[in-house]
Amino acid sequence: MAYAEPEKQKIVSLEVEEGCTVRDAVRRSNITTFFPSIDVETIKVGIFGKAVRNADDQVLKEGERVELYRELKVDPKQARANRAAKTKD
């Protein structure tokens, strides 16, 4: 389980039984101990960089790394446009 904020990152190792869903693993990770603002029921998740559409139904496979995604503060397209505008000045 991996989660990062600009000033702090955390990887939590977790062993789960066969048939464990992605959402169950997030719940069991106790990630809120380190990041209390995370809502484990609604946070967007992925496996090895690929978004998981339905974390409540997707079953984990051995060795998969679950990643928790925070909301972006700025749309990446807008951020690029902002940087491009600064370089023109």
C-alpha atoms as a PDB file:
ATOM      1  CA  MET A   1       0.000   0.000   0.000  1.00  0.00           C
ATOM      2  CA  ALA A   2       1.531   3.334  -1.032  1.00  0.00           C
ATOM      3  CA  TYR A   3       0.383   6.905  -0.425  1.00  0.00           C
ATOM      4  CA  ALA A   4       2.206  10.209  -0.727  1.00  0.00           C
ATOM      5  CA  GLU A   5       1.672  13.848   0.065  1.00  0.00           C
ATOM      6  CA  PRO A   6       4.206  16.524  -0.891  1.00  0.00           C
ATOM      7  CA  GLU A   7       5.886  16.459   2.512  1.00  0.00           C
ATOM      8  CA  LYS A   8       5.283  12.856   3.603  1.00  0.00           C
ATOM      9  CA  GLN A   9       5.084   9.391   2.013  1.00  0.00           C
ATOM     10  CA  LYS A  10       4.236   6.002   3.440  1.00  0.00           C
ATOM     11  CA  ILE A  11       4.406   2.409   2.236  1.00  0.00           C
ATOM     12  CA  VAL A  12       2.545  -0.142   4.331  1.00  0.00           C
ATOM     13  CA  SER A  13       3.262  -3.854   3.888  1.00  0.00           C
ATOM     14  CA  LEU A  14       0.193  -5.982   4.347  1.00  0.00           C
ATOM     15  CA  GLU A  15      -0.599  -9.670   4.110  1.00  0.00           C
ATOM     16  CA  VAL A  16      -4.191 -10.528   3.257  1.00  0.00           C
ATOM     17  CA  GLU A  17      -6.071 -13.734   2.656  1.00  0.00           C
ATOM     18  CA  GLU A  18      -6.965 -14.977  -0.797  1.00  0.00           C
ATOM     19  CA  GLY A  19     -10.056 -13.234  -2.139  1.00  0.00           C
ATOM     20  CA  CYS A  20      -9.342  -9.926  -0.402  1.00  0.00           C
ATOM     21  CA  THR A  21     -10.599  -6.960  -2.396  1.00  0.00           C
ATOM     22  CA  VAL A  22      -8.659  -3.780  -2.985  1.00  0.00           C
ATOM     23  CA  ARG A  23     -11.028  -1.805  -0.727  1.00  0.00           C
ATOM     24  CA  ASP A  24     -10.679  -4.398   2.062  1.00  0.00           C
ATOM     25  CA  ALA A  25      -6.888  -4.081   1.866  1.00  0.00           C
ATOM     26  CA  VAL A  26      -7.136  -0.294   2.109  1.00  0.00           C
ATOM     27  CA  ARG A  27      -9.324  -0.639   5.193  1.00  0.00           C
ATOM     28  CA  ARG A  28      -6.946  -3.149   6.819  1.00  0.00           C
ATOM     29  CA  SER A  29      -3.825  -1.102   6.120  1.00  0.00           C
ATOM     30  CA  ASN A  30      -4.613   1.414   8.879  1.00  0.00           C
ATOM     31  CA  ILE A  31      -3.268   4.119   6.566  1.00  0.00           C
ATOM     32  CA  THR A  32      -5.402   6.664   8.437  1.00  0.00           C
ATOM     33  CA  THR A  33      -2.989   6.278  11.363  1.00  0.00           C
ATOM     34  CA  PHE A  34      -0.473   8.170   9.232  1.00  0.00           C
ATOM     35  CA  PHE A  35      -2.907  10.265   7.154  1.00  0.00           C
ATOM     36  CA  PRO A  36      -6.101  10.905   9.173  1.00  0.00           C
ATOM     37  CA  SER A  37      -7.717  12.903   6.369  1.00  0.00           C
ATOM     38  CA  ILE A  38      -7.987   9.854   4.074  1.00  0.00           C
ATOM     39  CA  ASP A  39     -11.482   8.465   3.593  1.00  0.00           C
ATOM     40  CA  VAL A  40     -10.785   4.762   3.020  1.00  0.00           C
ATOM     41  CA  GLU A  41     -14.301   4.247   1.662  1.00  0.00           C
ATOM     42  CA  THR A  42     -14.010   6.753  -1.188  1.00  0.00           C
ATOM     43  CA  ILE A  43     -10.318   7.325  -1.955  1.00  0.00           C
ATOM     44  CA  LYS A  44      -9.336   6.532  -5.539  1.00  0.00           C
ATOM     45  CA  VAL A  45      -6.968   3.597  -5.857  1.00  0.00           C
ATOM     46  CA  GLY A  46      -4.798   1.859  -8.400  1.00  0.00           C
ATOM     47  CA  ILE A  47      -2.535  -1.132  -8.794  1.00  0.00           C
ATOM     48  CA  PHE A  48       0.960  -0.460 -10.132  1.00  0.00           C
ATOM     49  CA  GLY A  49      -0.131   2.893 -11.597  1.00  0.00           C
ATOM     50  CA  LYS A  50      -3.315   1.694 -13.255  1.00  0.00           C
ATOM     51  CA  ALA A  51      -6.593   2.995 -11.827  1.00  0.00           C
ATOM     52  CA  VAL A  52      -8.986   0.465 -10.327  1.00  0.00           C
ATOM     53  CA  ARG A  53     -12.583   1.153 -11.345  1.00  0.00           C
ATOM     54  CA  ASN A  54     -14.328  -0.820  -8.627  1.00  0.00           C
ATOM     55  CA  ALA A  55     -12.155  -1.336  -5.556  1.00  0.00           C
ATOM     56  CA  ASP A  56     -15.026  -3.041  -3.724  1.00  0.00           C
ATOM     57  CA  ASP A  57     -15.115  -5.877  -6.261  1.00  0.00           C
ATOM     58  CA  GLN A  58     -11.562  -6.219  -7.593  1.00  0.00           C
ATOM     59  CA  VAL A  59      -9.698  -9.062  -5.900  1.00  0.00           C
ATOM     60  CA  LEU A  60      -5.992  -8.620  -5.242  1.00  0.00           C
ATOM     61  CA  LYS A  61      -3.393 -10.945  -6.675  1.00  0.00           C
ATOM     62  CA  GLU A  62      -0.204 -11.912  -4.885  1.00  0.00           C
ATOM     63  CA  GLY A  63       2.473  -9.228  -4.995  1.00  0.00           C
ATOM     64  CA  GLU A  64       0.284  -6.393  -6.262  1.00  0.00           C
ATOM     65  CA  ARG A  65       1.004  -2.905  -4.916  1.00  0.00           C
ATOM     66  CA  VAL A  66      -2.074  -0.858  -4.109  1.00  0.00           C
ATOM     67  CA  GLU A  67      -1.653   2.886  -4.550  1.00  0.00           C
ATOM     68  CA  LEU A  68      -3.914   5.513  -3.035  1.00  0.00           C
ATOM     69  CA  TYR A  69      -4.480   8.651  -5.097  1.00  0.00           C
ATOM     70  CA  ARG A  70      -5.134  12.086  -3.646  1.00  0.00           C
ATOM     71  CA  GLU A  71      -7.030  14.747  -5.527  1.00  0.00           C
ATOM     72  CA  LEU A  72      -4.911  17.044  -7.666  1.00  0.00           C
ATOM     73  CA  LYS A  73      -4.879  20.699  -6.651  1.00  0.00           C
ATOM     74  CA  VAL A  74      -4.397  21.845 -10.250  1.00  0.00           C
ATOM     75  CA  ASP A  75      -5.435  20.148 -13.465  1.00  0.00           C
ATOM     76  CA  PRO A  76      -2.200  18.941 -15.196  1.00  0.00           C
ATOM     77  CA  LYS A  77      -3.194  20.662 -18.449  1.00  0.00           C
ATOM     78  CA  GLN A  78      -3.696  23.942 -16.607  1.00  0.00           C
ATOM     79  CA  ALA A  79      -0.382  23.541 -14.786  1.00  0.00           C
ATOM     80  CA  ARG A  80       1.438  23.123 -18.125  1.00  0.00           C
ATOM     81  CA  ALA A  81      -0.335  26.173 -19.536  1.00  0.00           C
ATOM     82  CA  ASN A  82       0.635  28.191 -16.454  1.00  0.00           C
ATOM     83  CA  ARG A  83       4.302  27.163 -16.812  1.00  0.00           C
ATOM     84  CA  ALA A  84       4.282  27.972 -20.527  1.00  0.00           C
ATOM     85  CA  ALA A  85       2.816  31.409 -19.843  1.00  0.00           C
ATOM     86  CA  LYS A  86       5.583  32.137 -17.306  1.00  0.00           C
ATOM     87  CA  THR A  87       8.345  31.268 -19.780  1.00  0.00           C
ATOM     88  CA  LYS A  88       6.967  33.770 -22.313  1.00  0.00           C
ATOM     89  CA  ASP A  89       7.394  36.668 -19.884  1.00  0.00           C
END
